[in-house]
Each structure stands twice: as C-alpha cells, then as structure tokens.
C-alpha cells in the first residue's frame, strides 16, 4: 500500500518538473502564476495557489527560477540559465525534482 506521504512527495516533485517544463516552453516570455496554476490544475487536480507558490519558492531557492513578486500580489516567473539546463537535460538533476530519465540520445 502506498502511503499518503509518498503520494504527496511524488506530487510535489512532479509538479516542480512540470513547472520547469512549462516555463521552458513559455520562454522567452515571463509567465504569470495564474497561467501556471491553470496548467498545474490540468495535471494535478485541485492544485492551490499556496501549493504552487511553495513549489516556485523551492525552485527559486535552488536558483532554477526567478520570481518577480508584484506589490499587488501576483507572482511572475522565469527560468534561470540553470533551470533551462535542467529542462534541456544538459546538467544533472538533484533529488527533489521528478525529471524523467533521458531515454533518447
């Protein structure tokens, strides 16, 4: 039986990977958190704004994402060069992000 903690960990790590992928596809444009929330809700039902912001903060702490927090409350995000390298499989990905294994050459 899969524990709820394992399910939550899988969701967090998968969401981080999907945020990186979404931001990579949106480049060179800055992405609003409202758009990211719509995308994450399509993948992970009932994603909350708090959950999304927690994962964005995690990625920002790892220097993968730059977050622009507007005074009126909206957040905007861009990938850093390291985040692009993670998305493009040019650098190793440390634990905490569920990047699938590269199976192509």
PDB file of N, CA and C in Angstrom:
ATOM      1  N   UNK A   1       0.842  -1.181   0.000  1.00  0.00           N
ATOM      2  CA  UNK A   1       0.000   0.000   0.000  1.00  0.00           C
ATOM      3  C   UNK A   1       0.888   1.244   0.000  1.00  0.00           C
ATOM      4  N   UNK A   2       0.544   2.194  -0.834  1.00  0.00           N
ATOM      5  CA  UNK A   2       1.307   3.427  -0.955  1.00  0.00           C
ATOM      6  C   UNK A   2       0.865   4.393   0.136  1.00  0.00           C
ATOM      7  N   UNK A   3       1.826   4.934   0.848  1.00  0.00           N
ATOM      8  CA  UNK A   3       1.481   5.860   1.923  1.00  0.00           C
ATOM      9  C   UNK A   3       1.100   7.226   1.349  1.00  0.00           C
ATOM     10  N   UNK A   4       0.322   7.973   2.122  1.00  0.00           N
ATOM     11  CA  UNK A   4      -0.089   9.313   1.697  1.00  0.00           C
ATOM     12  C   UNK A   4       1.129  10.237   1.592  1.00  0.00           C
ATOM     13  N   UNK A   5       2.124  10.006   2.457  1.00  0.00           N
ATOM     14  CA  UNK A   5       3.333  10.820   2.409  1.00  0.00           C
ATOM     15  C   UNK A   5       4.078  10.615   1.091  1.00  0.00           C
ATOM     16  N   UNK A   6       4.120   9.368   0.623  1.00  0.00           N
ATOM     17  CA  UNK A   6       4.775   9.070  -0.645  1.00  0.00           C
ATOM     18  C   UNK A   6       4.021   9.699  -1.815  1.00  0.00           C
ATOM     19  N   UNK A   7       2.699   9.681  -1.748  1.00  0.00           N
ATOM     20  CA  UNK A   7       1.881  10.305  -2.794  1.00  0.00           C
ATOM     21  C   UNK A   7       2.125  11.813  -2.814  1.00  0.00           C
ATOM     22  N   UNK A   8       2.175  12.435  -1.641  1.00  0.00           N
ATOM     23  CA  UNK A   8       2.402  13.882  -1.555  1.00  0.00           C
ATOM     24  C   UNK A   8       3.790  14.235  -2.084  1.00  0.00           C
ATOM     25  N   UNK A   9       4.795  13.424  -1.759  1.00  0.00           N
ATOM     26  CA  UNK A   9       6.157  13.665  -2.241  1.00  0.00           C
ATOM     27  C   UNK A   9       6.216  13.557  -3.758  1.00  0.00           C
ATOM     28  N   UNK A  10       5.565  12.544  -4.300  1.00  0.00           N
ATOM     29  CA  UNK A  10       5.532  12.360  -5.741  1.00  0.00           C
ATOM     30  C   UNK A  10       4.844  13.539  -6.428  1.00  0.00           C
ATOM     31  N   UNK A  11       3.758  14.026  -5.824  1.00  0.00           N
ATOM     32  CA  UNK A  11       3.038  15.171  -6.386  1.00  0.00           C
ATOM     33  C   UNK A  11       3.926  16.421  -6.382  1.00  0.00           C
ATOM     34  N   UNK A  12       4.602  16.691  -5.245  1.00  0.00           N
ATOM     35  CA  UNK A  12       5.471  17.876  -5.145  1.00  0.00           C
ATOM     36  C   UNK A  12       6.585  17.824  -6.187  1.00  0.00           C
ATOM     37  N   UNK A  13       7.246  16.694  -6.254  1.00  0.00           N
ATOM     38  CA  UNK A  13       8.389  16.582  -7.155  1.00  0.00           C
ATOM     39  C   UNK A  13       7.953  16.597  -8.624  1.00  0.00           C
ATOM     40  N   UNK A  14       6.822  15.976  -8.909  1.00  0.00           N
ATOM     41  CA  UNK A  14       6.293  16.017 -10.267  1.00  0.00           C
ATOM     42  C   UNK A  14       5.865  17.421 -10.663  1.00  0.00           C
ATOM     43  N   UNK A  15       5.264  18.134  -9.726  1.00  0.00           N
ATOM     44  CA  UNK A  15       4.834  19.499 -10.009  1.00  0.00           C
ATOM     45  C   UNK A  15       6.035  20.387 -10.299  1.00  0.00           C
ATOM     46  N   UNK A  16       7.111  20.196  -9.564  1.00  0.00           N
ATOM     47  CA  UNK A  16       8.319  21.002  -9.815  1.00  0.00           C
ATOM     48  C   UNK A  16       8.828  20.780 -11.235  1.00  0.00           C
ATOM     49  N   UNK A  17       8.837  19.533 -11.670  1.00  0.00           N
ATOM     50  CA  UNK A  17       9.286  19.236 -13.027  1.00  0.00           C
ATOM     51  C   UNK A  17       8.346  19.870 -14.054  1.00  0.00           C
ATOM     52  N   UNK A  18       7.055  19.785 -13.815  1.00  0.00           N
ATOM     53  CA  UNK A  18       6.099  20.354 -14.762  1.00  0.00           C
ATOM     54  C   UNK A  18       6.150  21.879 -14.778  1.00  0.00           C
ATOM     55  N   UNK A  19       6.460  22.502 -13.653  1.00  0.00           N
ATOM     56  CA  UNK A  19       6.654  23.959 -13.642  1.00  0.00           C
ATOM     57  C   UNK A  19       7.862  24.315 -14.509  1.00  0.00           C
ATOM     58  N   UNK A  20       8.953  23.584 -14.342  1.00  0.00           N
ATOM     59  CA  UNK A  20      10.149  23.848 -15.152  1.00  0.00           C
ATOM     60  C   UNK A  20       9.833  23.674 -16.632  1.00  0.00           C
ATOM     61  N   UNK A  21       9.144  22.617 -16.978  1.00  0.00           N
ATOM     62  CA  UNK A  21       8.789  22.374 -18.376  1.00  0.00           C
ATOM     63  C   UNK A  21       7.899  23.477 -18.932  1.00  0.00           C
ATOM     64  N   UNK A  22       6.918  23.898 -18.151  1.00  0.00           N
ATOM     65  CA  UNK A  22       6.003  24.949 -18.604  1.00  0.00           C
ATOM     66  C   UNK A  22       6.753  26.257 -18.815  1.00  0.00           C
ATOM     67  N   UNK A  23       7.613  26.607 -17.866  1.00  0.00           N
ATOM     68  CA  UNK A  23       8.390  27.842 -18.008  1.00  0.00           C
ATOM     69  C   UNK A  23       9.347  27.751 -19.191  1.00  0.00           C
ATOM     70  N   UNK A  24       9.882  26.576 -19.444  1.00  0.00           N
ATOM     71  CA  UNK A  24      10.788  26.401 -20.579  1.00  0.00           C
ATOM     72  C   UNK A  24      10.037  26.593 -21.906  1.00  0.00           C
ATOM     73  N   UNK A  25       8.833  26.058 -21.975  1.00  0.00           N
ATOM     74  CA  UNK A  25       8.045  26.201 -23.197  1.00  0.00           C
ATOM     75  C   UNK A  25       7.584  27.646 -23.403  1.00  0.00           C
ATOM     76  N   UNK A  26       7.418  28.382 -22.322  1.00  0.00           N
ATOM     77  CA  UNK A  26       6.952  29.768 -22.409  1.00  0.00           C
ATOM     78  C   UNK A  26       8.075  30.748 -22.730  1.00  0.00           C
ATOM     79  N   UNK A  27       9.324  30.316 -22.613  1.00  0.00           N
ATOM     80  CA  UNK A  27      10.443  31.224 -22.876  1.00  0.00           C
ATOM     81  C   UNK A  27      10.325  31.808 -24.278  1.00  0.00           C
ATOM     82  N   UNK A  28      10.695  33.042 -24.504  1.00  0.00           N
ATOM     83  CA  UNK A  28      11.360  33.983 -23.621  1.00  0.00           C
ATOM     84  C   UNK A  28      10.397  34.838 -22.792  1.00  0.00           C
ATOM     85  N   UNK A  29       9.124  34.505 -22.810  1.00  0.00           N
ATOM     86  CA  UNK A  29       8.152  35.327 -22.090  1.00  0.00           C
ATOM     87  C   UNK A  29       8.107  34.963 -20.609  1.00  0.00           C
ATOM     88  N   UNK A  30       7.874  35.959 -19.794  1.00  0.00           N
ATOM     89  CA  UNK A  30       7.644  35.756 -18.366  1.00  0.00           C
ATOM     90  C   UNK A  30       6.256  35.154 -18.191  1.00  0.00           C
ATOM     91  N   UNK A  31       6.134  34.255 -17.215  1.00  0.00           N
ATOM     92  CA  UNK A  31       4.880  33.536 -17.025  1.00  0.00           C
ATOM     93  C   UNK A  31       4.224  33.958 -15.719  1.00  0.00           C
ATOM     94  N   UNK A  32       2.944  34.268 -15.788  1.00  0.00           N
ATOM     95  CA  UNK A  32       2.181  34.635 -14.591  1.00  0.00           C
ATOM     96  C   UNK A  32       1.785  33.373 -13.830  1.00  0.00           C
ATOM     97  N   UNK A  33       1.712  33.515 -12.516  1.00  0.00           N
ATOM     98  CA  UNK A  33       1.333  32.353 -11.697  1.00  0.00           C
ATOM     99  C   UNK A  33      -0.077  31.864 -12.024  1.00  0.00           C
ATOM    100  N   UNK A  34      -0.950  32.754 -12.503  1.00  0.00           N
ATOM    101  CA  UNK A  34      -2.311  32.322 -12.841  1.00  0.00           C
ATOM    102  C   UNK A  34      -2.279  31.321 -13.989  1.00  0.00           C
ATOM    103  N   UNK A  35      -1.406  31.547 -14.957  1.00  0.00           N
ATOM    104  CA  UNK A  35      -1.263  30.590 -16.053  1.00  0.00           C
ATOM    105  C   UNK A  35      -0.679  29.276 -15.538  1.00  0.00           C
ATOM    106  N   UNK A  36       0.355  29.372 -14.702  1.00  0.00           N
ATOM    107  CA  UNK A  36       0.956  28.157 -14.131  1.00  0.00           C
ATOM    108  C   UNK A  36      -0.068  27.382 -13.306  1.00  0.00           C
ATOM    109  N   UNK A  37      -0.917  28.098 -12.581  1.00  0.00           N
ATOM    110  CA  UNK A  37      -1.935  27.425 -11.777  1.00  0.00           C
ATOM    111  C   UNK A  37      -2.927  26.682 -12.669  1.00  0.00           C
ATOM    112  N   UNK A  38      -3.314  27.287 -13.791  1.00  0.00           N
ATOM    113  CA  UNK A  38      -4.209  26.596 -14.732  1.00  0.00           C
ATOM    114  C   UNK A  38      -3.559  25.327 -15.270  1.00  0.00           C
ATOM    115  N   UNK A  39      -2.279  25.417 -15.638  1.00  0.00           N
ATOM    116  CA  UNK A  39      -1.573  24.247 -16.182  1.00  0.00           C
ATOM    117  C   UNK A  39      -1.444  23.162 -15.103  1.00  0.00           C
ATOM    118  N   UNK A  40      -1.054  23.569 -13.892  1.00  0.00           N
ATOM    119  CA  UNK A  40      -0.881  22.570 -12.821  1.00  0.00           C
ATOM    120  C   UNK A  40      -2.213  21.931 -12.446  1.00  0.00           C
ATOM    121  N   UNK A  41      -3.299  22.699 -12.497  1.00  0.00           N
ATOM    122  CA  UNK A  41      -4.613  22.121 -12.207  1.00  0.00           C
ATOM    123  C   UNK A  41      -5.023  21.104 -13.260  1.00  0.00           C
ATOM    124  N   UNK A  42      -4.585  21.297 -14.490  1.00  0.00           N
ATOM    125  CA  UNK A  42      -4.893  20.326 -15.543  1.00  0.00           C
ATOM    126  C   UNK A  42      -4.133  19.020 -15.314  1.00  0.00           C
ATOM    127  N   UNK A  43      -2.971  19.118 -14.701  1.00  0.00           N
ATOM    128  CA  UNK A  43      -2.145  17.927 -14.451  1.00  0.00           C
ATOM    129  C   UNK A  43      -2.435  17.342 -13.077  1.00  0.00           C
ATOM    130  N   UNK A  44      -2.507  18.209 -12.076  1.00  0.00           N
ATOM    131  CA  UNK A  44      -2.726  17.799 -10.682  1.00  0.00           C
ATOM    132  C   UNK A  44      -4.011  18.457 -10.194  1.00  0.00           C
ATOM    133  N   UNK A  45      -5.138  17.752 -10.267  1.00  0.00           N
ATOM    134  CA  UNK A  45      -6.410  18.364  -9.866  1.00  0.00           C
ATOM    135  C   UNK A  45      -6.347  18.945  -8.454  1.00  0.00           C
ATOM    136  N   UNK A  46      -7.048  20.052  -8.292  1.00  0.00           N
ATOM    137  CA  UNK A  46      -7.181  20.755  -7.022  1.00  0.00           C
ATOM    138  C   UNK A  46      -5.866  21.345  -6.525  1.00  0.00           C
ATOM    139  N   UNK A  47      -5.004  21.736  -7.452  1.00  0.00           N
ATOM    140  CA  UNK A  47      -3.796  22.459  -7.064  1.00  0.00           C
ATOM    141  C   UNK A  47      -4.204  23.828  -6.538  1.00  0.00           C
ATOM    142  N   UNK A  48      -3.658  24.212  -5.408  1.00  0.00           N
ATOM    143  CA  UNK A  48      -3.974  25.520  -4.835  1.00  0.00           C
ATOM    144  C   UNK A  48      -2.871  26.518  -5.171  1.00  0.00           C
ATOM    145  N   UNK A  49      -3.204  27.789  -5.044  1.00  0.00           N
ATOM    146  CA  UNK A  49      -2.204  28.844  -5.268  1.00  0.00           C
ATOM    147  C   UNK A  49      -1.069  28.714  -4.259  1.00  0.00           C
ATOM    148  N   UNK A  50      -1.407  28.354  -3.018  1.00  0.00           N
ATOM    149  CA  UNK A  50      -0.370  28.176  -1.997  1.00  0.00           C
ATOM    150  C   UNK A  50       0.585  27.046  -2.375  1.00  0.00           C
ATOM    151  N   UNK A  51       0.032  25.939  -2.844  1.00  0.00           N
ATOM    152  CA  UNK A  51       0.861  24.794  -3.253  1.00  0.00           C
ATOM    153  C   UNK A  51       1.791  25.190  -4.400  1.00  0.00           C
ATOM    154  N   UNK A  52       1.246  25.917  -5.370  1.00  0.00           N
ATOM    155  CA  UNK A  52       2.070  26.364  -6.498  1.00  0.00           C
ATOM    156  C   UNK A  52       3.181  27.297  -6.010  1.00  0.00           C
ATOM    157  N   UNK A  53       2.847  28.223  -5.140  1.00  0.00           N
ATOM    158  CA  UNK A  53       3.860  29.161  -4.645  1.00  0.00           C
ATOM    159  C   UNK A  53       4.926  28.447  -3.823  1.00  0.00           C
ATOM    160  N   UNK A  54       4.537  27.432  -3.079  1.00  0.00           N
ATOM    161  CA  UNK A  54       5.529  26.665  -2.318  1.00  0.00           C
ATOM    162  C   UNK A  54       6.531  26.016  -3.269  1.00  0.00           C
ATOM    163  N   UNK A  55       6.044  25.471  -4.370  1.00  0.00           N
ATOM    164  CA  UNK A  55       6.953  24.802  -5.320  1.00  0.00           C
ATOM    165  C   UNK A  55       7.793  25.836  -6.075  1.00  0.00           C
ATOM    166  N   UNK A  56       7.210  27.001  -6.389  1.00  0.00           N
ATOM    167  CA  UNK A  56       8.000  28.064  -7.030  1.00  0.00           C
ATOM    168  C   UNK A  56       9.098  28.549  -6.091  1.00  0.00           C
ATOM    169  N   UNK A  57       8.776  28.704  -4.812  1.00  0.00           N
ATOM    170  CA  UNK A  57       9.792  29.118  -3.836  1.00  0.00           C
ATOM    171  C   UNK A  57      10.908  28.089  -3.744  1.00  0.00           C
ATOM    172  N   UNK A  58      10.543  26.818  -3.744  1.00  0.00           N
ATOM    173  CA  UNK A  58      11.545  25.751  -3.699  1.00  0.00           C
ATOM    174  C   UNK A  58      12.490  25.874  -4.907  1.00  0.00           C
ATOM    175  N   UNK A  59      11.908  26.049  -6.088  1.00  0.00           N
ATOM    176  CA  UNK A  59      12.726  26.154  -7.297  1.00  0.00           C
ATOM    177  C   UNK A  59      13.570  27.433  -7.281  1.00  0.00           C
ATOM    178  N   UNK A  60      13.051  28.506  -6.721  1.00  0.00           N
ATOM    179  CA  UNK A  60      13.823  29.754  -6.603  1.00  0.00           C
ATOM    180  C   UNK A  60      14.980  29.573  -5.623  1.00  0.00           C
ATOM    181  N   UNK A  61      14.742  28.854  -4.522  1.00  0.00           N
ATOM    182  CA  UNK A  61      15.818  28.594  -3.558  1.00  0.00           C
ATOM    183  C   UNK A  61      16.946  27.786  -4.191  1.00  0.00           C
ATOM    184  N   UNK A  62      16.616  26.960  -5.158  1.00  0.00           N
ATOM    185  CA  UNK A  62      17.639  26.169  -5.855  1.00  0.00           C
ATOM    186  C   UNK A  62      18.201  26.889  -7.071  1.00  0.00           C
ATOM    187  N   UNK A  63      17.837  28.152  -7.241  1.00  0.00           N
ATOM    188  CA  UNK A  63      18.340  29.009  -8.327  1.00  0.00           C
ATOM    189  C   UNK A  63      17.937  28.509  -9.706  1.00  0.00           C
ATOM    190  N   UNK A  64      16.771  27.870  -9.777  1.00  0.00           N
ATOM    191  CA  UNK A  64      16.274  27.386 -11.062  1.00  0.00           C
ATOM    192  C   UNK A  64      15.240  28.332 -11.660  1.00  0.00           C
ATOM    193  N   UNK A  65      14.633  29.147 -10.809  1.00  0.00           N
ATOM    194  CA  UNK A  65      13.555  30.045 -11.234  1.00  0.00           C
ATOM    195  C   UNK A  65      13.789  31.413 -10.599  1.00  0.00           C
ATOM    196  N   UNK A  66      13.534  32.453 -11.380  1.00  0.00           N
ATOM    197  CA  UNK A  66      13.479  33.814 -10.840  1.00  0.00           C
ATOM    198  C   UNK A  66      12.009  34.169 -10.660  1.00  0.00           C
ATOM    199  N   UNK A  67      11.674  34.664  -9.462  1.00  0.00           N
ATOM    200  CA  UNK A  67      10.294  35.045  -9.180  1.00  0.00           C
ATOM    201  C   UNK A  67      10.238  36.549  -9.001  1.00  0.00           C
ATOM    202  N   UNK A  68       9.277  37.162  -9.684  1.00  0.00           N
ATOM    203  CA  UNK A  68       9.020  38.589  -9.525  1.00  0.00           C
ATOM    204  C   UNK A  68       7.686  38.706  -8.785  1.00  0.00           C
ATOM    205  N   UNK A  69       7.752  39.075  -7.501  1.00  0.00           N
ATOM    206  CA  UNK A  69       6.557  39.188  -6.665  1.00  0.00           C
ATOM    207  C   UNK A  69       6.078  40.627  -6.712  1.00  0.00           C
ATOM    208  N   UNK A  70       4.957  40.848  -7.359  1.00  0.00           N
ATOM    209  CA  UNK A  70       4.414  42.190  -7.520  1.00  0.00           C
ATOM    210  C   UNK A  70       3.749  42.667  -6.237  1.00  0.00           C
ATOM    211  N   UNK A  71       3.793  43.982  -5.974  1.00  0.00           N
ATOM    212  CA  UNK A  71       3.168  44.507  -4.750  1.00  0.00           C
ATOM    213  C   UNK A  71       1.664  44.244  -4.683  1.00  0.00           C
ATOM    214  N   UNK A  72       1.013  44.115  -5.824  1.00  0.00           N
ATOM    215  CA  UNK A  72      -0.434  43.859  -5.821  1.00  0.00           C
ATOM    216  C   UNK A  72      -0.763  42.377  -5.624  1.00  0.00           C
ATOM    217  N   UNK A  73       0.263  41.538  -5.473  1.00  0.00           N
ATOM    218  CA  UNK A  73       0.017  40.149  -5.107  1.00  0.00           C
ATOM    219  C   UNK A  73       0.345  39.101  -6.140  1.00  0.00           C
ATOM    220  N   UNK A  74       0.402  39.459  -7.415  1.00  0.00           N
ATOM    221  CA  UNK A  74       0.684  38.454  -8.441  1.00  0.00           C
ATOM    222  C   UNK A  74       2.175  38.124  -8.478  1.00  0.00           C
ATOM    223  N   UNK A  75       2.452  36.889  -8.807  1.00  0.00           N
ATOM    224  CA  UNK A  75       3.829  36.447  -8.990  1.00  0.00           C
ATOM    225  C   UNK A  75       4.051  36.147 -10.470  1.00  0.00           C
ATOM    226  N   UNK A  76       5.246  36.439 -10.937  1.00  0.00           N
ATOM    227  CA  UNK A  76       5.653  36.111 -12.298  1.00  0.00           C
ATOM    228  C   UNK A  76       6.959  35.334 -12.212  1.00  0.00           C
ATOM    229  N   UNK A  77       7.144  34.375 -13.112  1.00  0.00           N
ATOM    230  CA  UNK A  77       8.313  33.508 -13.021  1.00  0.00           C
ATOM    231  C   UNK A  77       9.001  33.350 -14.372  1.00  0.00           C
ATOM    232  N   UNK A  78      10.306  33.189 -14.293  1.00  0.00           N
ATOM    233  CA  UNK A  78      11.155  32.884 -15.454  1.00  0.00           C
ATOM    234  C   UNK A  78      12.160  31.822 -15.037  1.00  0.00           C
ATOM    235  N   UNK A  79      12.576  30.999 -15.979  1.00  0.00           N
ATOM    236  CA  UNK A  79      13.655  30.058 -15.700  1.00  0.00           C
ATOM    237  C   UNK A  79      14.981  30.792 -15.686  1.00  0.00           C
ATOM    238  N   UNK A  80      15.878  30.374 -14.830  1.00  0.00           N
ATOM    239  CA  UNK A  80      17.257  30.855 -14.881  1.00  0.00           C
ATOM    240  C   UNK A  80      18.000  29.995 -15.910  1.00  0.00           C
ATOM    241  N   UNK A  81      19.240  30.333 -16.146  1.00  0.00           N
ATOM    242  CA  UNK A  81      20.020  29.512 -17.088  1.00  0.00           C
ATOM    243  C   UNK A  81      20.179  28.086 -16.558  1.00  0.00           C
ATOM    244  N   UNK A  82      20.300  27.941 -15.230  1.00  0.00           N
ATOM    245  CA  UNK A  82      20.385  26.593 -14.664  1.00  0.00           C
ATOM    246  C   UNK A  82      19.059  25.842 -14.846  1.00  0.00           C
ATOM    247  N   UNK A  83      17.946  26.540 -14.714  1.00  0.00           N
ATOM    248  CA  UNK A  83      16.644  25.920 -14.941  1.00  0.00           C
ATOM    249  C   UNK A  83      16.486  25.450 -16.384  1.00  0.00           C
ATOM    250  N   UNK A  84      16.988  26.248 -17.313  1.00  0.00           N
ATOM    251  CA  UNK A  84      16.945  25.844 -18.728  1.00  0.00           C
ATOM    252  C   UNK A  84      17.807  24.605 -18.929  1.00  0.00           C
ATOM    253  N   UNK A  85      18.973  24.578 -18.296  1.00  0.00           N
ATOM    254  CA  UNK A  85      19.846  23.403 -18.417  1.00  0.00           C
ATOM    255  C   UNK A  85      19.171  22.146 -17.857  1.00  0.00           C
ATOM    256  N   UNK A  86      18.435  22.294 -16.764  1.00  0.00           N
ATOM    257  CA  UNK A  86      17.694  21.146 -16.225  1.00  0.00           C
ATOM    258  C   UNK A  86      16.640  20.699 -17.237  1.00  0.00           C
ATOM    259  N   UNK A  87      15.904  21.648 -17.806  1.00  0.00           N
ATOM    260  CA  UNK A  87      14.847  21.316 -18.770  1.00  0.00           C
ATOM    261  C   UNK A  87      15.421  20.661 -20.027  1.00  0.00           C
ATOM    262  N   UNK A  88      16.619  21.073 -20.398  1.00  0.00           N
ATOM    263  CA  UNK A  88      17.227  20.558 -21.629  1.00  0.00           C
ATOM    264  C   UNK A  88      18.173  19.382 -21.381  1.00  0.00           C
ATOM    265  N   UNK A  89      18.193  18.878 -20.155  1.00  0.00           N
ATOM    266  CA  UNK A  89      18.994  17.701 -19.811  1.00  0.00           C
ATOM    267  C   UNK A  89      20.481  17.900 -20.063  1.00  0.00           C
ATOM    268  N   UNK A  90      20.979  19.119 -19.907  1.00  0.00           N
ATOM    269  CA  UNK A  90      22.412  19.343 -20.124  1.00  0.00           C
ATOM    270  C   UNK A  90      23.201  19.290 -18.828  1.00  0.00           C
ATOM    271  N   UNK A  91      22.498  19.264 -17.684  1.00  0.00           N
ATOM    272  CA  UNK A  91      23.150  19.113 -16.382  1.00  0.00           C
ATOM    273  C   UNK A  91      22.391  18.056 -15.583  1.00  0.00           C
ATOM    274  N   UNK A  92      23.059  17.533 -14.571  1.00  0.00           N
ATOM    275  CA  UNK A  92      22.420  16.548 -13.703  1.00  0.00           C
ATOM    276  C   UNK A  92      21.332  17.226 -12.873  1.00  0.00           C
ATOM    277  N   UNK A  93      20.321  16.475 -12.549  1.00  0.00           N
ATOM    278  CA  UNK A  93      19.204  16.986 -11.749  1.00  0.00           C
ATOM    279  C   UNK A  93      19.255  16.323 -10.381  1.00  0.00           C
ATOM    280  N   UNK A  94      19.421  17.143  -9.347  1.00  0.00           N
ATOM    281  CA  UNK A  94      19.485  16.618  -7.987  1.00  0.00           C
ATOM    282  C   UNK A  94      18.103  16.145  -7.553  1.00  0.00           C
ATOM    283  N   UNK A  95      18.056  15.324  -6.493  1.00  0.00           N
ATOM    284  CA  UNK A  95      16.757  14.867  -5.981  1.00  0.00           C
ATOM    285  C   UNK A  95      15.866  16.061  -5.599  1.00  0.00           C
ATOM    286  N   UNK A  96      14.574  15.825  -5.637  1.00  0.00           N
ATOM    287  CA  UNK A  96      13.606  16.859  -5.299  1.00  0.00           C
ATOM    288  C   UNK A  96      12.801  17.311  -6.497  1.00  0.00           C
ATOM    289  N   UNK A  97      13.253  16.921  -7.678  1.00  0.00           N
ATOM    290  CA  UNK A  97      12.549  17.243  -8.919  1.00  0.00           C
ATOM    291  C   UNK A  97      12.408  15.941  -9.691  1.00  0.00           C
ATOM    292  N   UNK A  98      11.189  15.620 -10.078  1.00  0.00           N
ATOM    293  CA  UNK A  98      10.913  14.338 -10.733  1.00  0.00           C
ATOM    294  C   UNK A  98      11.155  14.424 -12.236  1.00  0.00           C
ATOM    295  N   UNK A  99      12.381  14.759 -12.615  1.00  0.00           N
ATOM    296  CA  UNK A  99      12.698  14.774 -14.046  1.00  0.00           C
ATOM    297  C   UNK A  99      12.816  13.335 -14.526  1.00  0.00           C
ATOM    298  N   UNK A 100      12.090  12.987 -15.585  1.00  0.00           N
ATOM    299  CA  UNK A 100      12.203  11.619 -16.094  1.00  0.00           C
ATOM    300  C   UNK A 100      13.607  11.351 -16.633  1.00  0.00           C
ATOM    301  N   UNK A 101      13.969  10.093 -16.642  1.00  0.00           N
ATOM    302  CA  UNK A 101      15.254   9.715 -17.212  1.00  0.00           C
ATOM    303  C   UNK A 101      15.261  10.019 -18.700  1.00  0.00           C
ATOM    304  N   UNK A 102      16.398  10.439 -19.199  1.00  0.00           N
ATOM    305  CA  UNK A 102      16.551  10.692 -20.627  1.00  0.00           C
ATOM    306  C   UNK A 102      16.750   9.350 -21.324  1.00  0.00           C
ATOM    307  N   UNK A 103      15.861   9.039 -22.250  1.00  0.00           N
ATOM    308  CA  UNK A 103      15.940   7.745 -22.927  1.00  0.00           C
ATOM    309  C   UNK A 103      16.289   7.903 -24.409  1.00  0.00           C
ATOM    310  N   UNK A 104      16.572   9.112 -24.827  1.00  0.00           N
ATOM    311  CA  UNK A 104      16.965   9.361 -26.196  1.00  0.00           C
ATOM    312  C   UNK A 104      18.389   9.908 -26.202  1.00  0.00           C
ATOM    313  N   UNK A 105      19.018   9.867 -27.384  1.00  0.00           N
ATOM    314  CA  UNK A 105      20.395  10.366 -27.457  1.00  0.00           C
ATOM    315  C   UNK A 105      20.480  11.665 -28.209  1.00  0.00           C
TER     316      UNK A 105
END
